[in-house]
Amino acid sequence: QDDIRAKVDEQNAAIDSLLGEVSALQIREERVASELAEQEAELAEARDELAEARATLGETRRRLKGALDELEKLLVEIYRYGEPDEVTMLLNADGLDEAATTSVYFERIRDYQSEVVGAVRELRASQREAVEQIETSVLRMEVARDAIAERHAELAASRAELEARQAA
């Protein structure tokens, strides 16, 4: 009878040990599932950022095309007609009023030219930033996907280990 009690006690100890391991594995599985949910949220956020960056890039490209078309027109006009000789036009003015008007006219032309060139530069910089944001979002998505795959593998391993323990 002592021999049977010893075996029962030994088996009870083994069962208690297995229950402890099963509990620890279940806790680990819950932790991995929580990490998986966090990684999936990170992936969703990266997808949203990517969509936003693509929309921004599309709008920037459209605006840049318009600015480049405007710059092209400006350059064609300068090529066709040359730069107006401001000094000659001012000297040929028939009075102070005409000279002032001519001066304002040239100032507006310079302002317009500067605005067109500035817009092209600004839009090209915006385009580069949008491309960088897209690349960053894609990288974040890849990292999140890798982490999700890793969490899935950990979860599958925990479940397999748990099932093996329960079957034993």
Protein backbone atom coordinates (compact mmCIF):
# COMPACT_ATOMS: atom_id res chain seq x y z
CA GLN A 1 0.00 0.00 0.00
CA ASP A 2 2.89 2.35 0.72
CA ASP A 3 4.21 1.53 -2.72
CA ILE A 4 0.89 2.48 -4.34
CA ARG A 5 0.71 5.71 -2.32
CA ALA A 6 4.23 6.59 -3.39
CA LYS A 7 3.28 6.03 -7.05
CA VAL A 8 0.09 8.09 -6.64
CA ASP A 9 2.06 10.89 -4.92
CA GLU A 10 4.65 10.73 -7.68
CA GLN A 11 1.97 10.91 -10.36
CA ASN A 12 0.22 13.77 -8.52
CA ALA A 13 3.52 15.64 -8.39
CA ALA A 14 4.03 15.04 -12.12
CA ILE A 15 0.47 16.26 -12.83
CA ASP A 16 1.03 19.35 -10.68
CA SER A 17 4.28 19.98 -12.50
CA LEU A 18 2.57 19.63 -15.90
CA LEU A 19 -0.27 21.89 -14.80
CA GLY A 20 2.30 24.50 -13.79
CA GLU A 21 4.02 24.21 -17.16
CA VAL A 22 0.68 24.41 -18.99
CA SER A 23 -0.21 27.52 -16.99
CA ALA A 24 3.15 29.10 -17.79
CA LEU A 25 2.70 28.27 -21.49
CA GLN A 26 -0.81 29.76 -21.48
CA ILE A 27 0.56 32.97 -19.92
CA ARG A 28 3.31 33.05 -22.55
CA GLU A 29 0.74 32.48 -25.28
CA GLU A 30 -1.38 35.38 -23.99
CA ARG A 31 1.70 37.64 -23.91
CA VAL A 32 2.65 36.69 -27.47
CA ALA A 33 -0.95 37.24 -28.61
CA SER A 34 -0.87 40.71 -27.01
CA GLU A 35 2.42 41.52 -28.76
CA LEU A 36 0.93 40.27 -32.00
CA ALA A 37 -2.01 42.64 -31.63
CA GLU A 38 0.41 45.53 -31.02
CA GLN A 39 2.40 44.63 -34.14
CA GLU A 40 -0.79 44.41 -36.20
CA ALA A 41 -1.77 47.88 -34.98
CA GLU A 42 1.70 49.15 -35.96
CA LEU A 43 1.23 47.61 -39.41
CA ALA A 44 -2.17 49.25 -39.80
CA GLU A 45 -0.71 52.61 -38.78
CA ALA A 46 2.13 52.20 -41.28
CA ARG A 47 -0.40 51.34 -44.01
CA ASP A 48 -2.36 54.50 -43.21
CA GLU A 49 0.81 56.59 -43.34
CA LEU A 50 1.73 55.00 -46.65
CA ALA A 51 -1.67 55.81 -48.14
CA GLU A 52 -1.42 59.40 -46.90
CA ALA A 53 2.13 59.77 -48.25
CA ARG A 54 1.07 58.40 -51.64
CA ALA A 55 -1.82 60.86 -51.79
CA THR A 56 0.51 63.71 -50.85
CA LEU A 57 3.01 62.60 -53.48
CA GLY A 58 0.30 62.49 -56.14
CA GLU A 59 -0.87 66.00 -55.30
CA THR A 60 2.71 67.29 -55.18
CA ARG A 61 3.47 65.74 -58.57
CA ARG A 62 0.38 67.37 -60.04
CA ARG A 63 1.35 70.78 -58.65
CA LEU A 64 4.97 70.30 -59.72
CA LYS A 65 3.88 69.53 -63.26
CA GLY A 66 1.92 72.78 -63.34
CA ALA A 67 4.87 74.73 -61.96
CA LEU A 68 7.25 73.11 -64.47
CA ASP A 69 4.85 73.96 -67.30
CA GLU A 70 4.82 77.57 -66.09
CA LEU A 71 8.62 77.60 -65.87
CA GLU A 72 8.86 76.16 -69.36
CA LYS A 73 6.62 78.94 -70.71
CA LEU A 74 8.73 81.52 -68.93
CA LEU A 75 11.97 80.12 -70.33
CA VAL A 76 10.52 79.95 -73.85
CA GLU A 77 9.47 83.60 -73.60
CA ILE A 78 12.92 84.61 -72.39
CA TYR A 79 14.50 82.60 -75.22
CA ARG A 80 12.20 84.06 -77.88
CA TYR A 81 12.27 87.67 -76.81
CA GLY A 82 15.34 87.84 -74.60
CA GLU A 83 15.49 89.64 -71.31
CA PRO A 84 14.12 93.17 -71.65
CA ASP A 85 16.77 95.83 -71.24
CA GLU A 86 15.53 97.66 -68.19
CA VAL A 87 18.10 100.45 -68.37
CA THR A 88 17.35 101.26 -72.01
CA MET A 89 13.60 101.29 -71.41
CA LEU A 90 14.00 103.57 -68.40
CA LEU A 91 16.24 105.96 -70.34
CA ASN A 92 13.77 106.02 -73.25
CA ALA A 93 10.86 106.86 -70.97
CA ASP A 94 9.01 110.07 -71.82
CA GLY A 95 8.87 111.24 -68.27
CA LEU A 96 9.09 110.34 -64.64
CA ASP A 97 5.64 108.72 -64.60
CA GLU A 98 6.49 106.41 -67.49
CA ALA A 99 9.84 105.56 -65.89
CA ALA A 100 8.10 104.71 -62.59
CA THR A 101 5.53 102.58 -64.38
CA THR A 102 8.26 100.80 -66.33
CA SER A 103 10.21 100.20 -63.12
CA VAL A 104 7.14 98.68 -61.42
CA TYR A 105 6.56 96.54 -64.52
CA PHE A 106 10.09 95.12 -64.37
CA GLU A 107 9.80 94.54 -60.64
CA ARG A 108 6.64 92.50 -61.21
CA ILE A 109 8.34 90.47 -63.92
CA ARG A 110 11.27 89.68 -61.58
CA ASP A 111 8.85 88.79 -58.78
CA TYR A 112 6.91 86.50 -61.10
CA GLN A 113 10.07 84.79 -62.31
CA SER A 114 11.28 84.31 -58.73
CA GLU A 115 7.91 82.91 -57.67
CA VAL A 116 7.90 80.37 -60.49
CA VAL A 117 11.43 79.20 -59.77
CA GLY A 118 10.75 79.16 -56.02
CA ALA A 119 7.58 77.12 -56.52
CA VAL A 120 9.45 74.53 -58.58
CA ARG A 121 12.18 74.24 -55.94
CA GLU A 122 9.66 73.99 -53.12
CA LEU A 123 7.58 71.36 -54.89
CA ARG A 124 10.64 69.28 -55.74
CA ALA A 125 11.64 69.35 -52.07
CA SER A 126 8.09 68.34 -51.11
CA GLN A 127 8.24 65.52 -53.61
CA ARG A 128 11.50 64.25 -52.11
CA GLU A 129 9.99 64.41 -48.63
CA ALA A 130 6.93 62.46 -49.76
CA VAL A 131 9.12 59.79 -51.34
CA GLU A 132 11.15 59.55 -48.12
CA GLN A 133 7.94 59.22 -46.12
CA ILE A 134 6.77 56.44 -48.42
CA GLU A 135 10.09 54.63 -48.03
CA THR A 136 9.87 55.00 -44.24
CA SER A 137 6.30 53.68 -44.19
CA VAL A 138 7.25 50.72 -46.37
CA LEU A 139 10.16 49.93 -44.06
CA ARG A 140 7.89 50.15 -41.01
CA MET A 141 5.45 47.80 -42.72
CA GLU A 142 8.20 45.31 -43.48
CA VAL A 143 9.44 45.42 -39.88
CA ALA A 144 5.90 45.01 -38.58
CA ARG A 145 5.24 42.10 -40.96
CA ASP A 146 8.44 40.39 -39.85
CA ALA A 147 7.51 40.89 -36.20
CA ILE A 148 4.01 39.54 -36.85
CA ALA A 149 5.44 36.47 -38.57
CA GLU A 150 7.78 35.96 -35.63
CA ARG A 151 4.89 36.28 -33.15
CA HIS A 152 2.80 33.83 -35.19
CA ALA A 153 5.68 31.34 -35.09
CA GLU A 154 6.07 31.81 -31.32
CA LEU A 155 2.34 31.38 -30.84
CA ALA A 156 2.29 28.23 -32.96
CA ALA A 157 5.27 26.82 -31.06
CA SER A 158 3.60 27.57 -27.71
CA ARG A 159 0.38 25.93 -28.82
CA ALA A 160 2.20 22.89 -30.16
CA GLU A 161 4.14 22.57 -26.89
CA LEU A 162 0.96 22.97 -24.88
CA GLU A 163 -0.86 20.35 -26.93
CA ALA A 164 2.10 17.98 -26.62
CA ARG A 165 2.10 18.43 -22.82
CA GLN A 166 -1.63 17.89 -22.60
CA ALA A 167 -1.43 14.77 -24.77
CA ALA A 168 1.37 13.30 -22.62
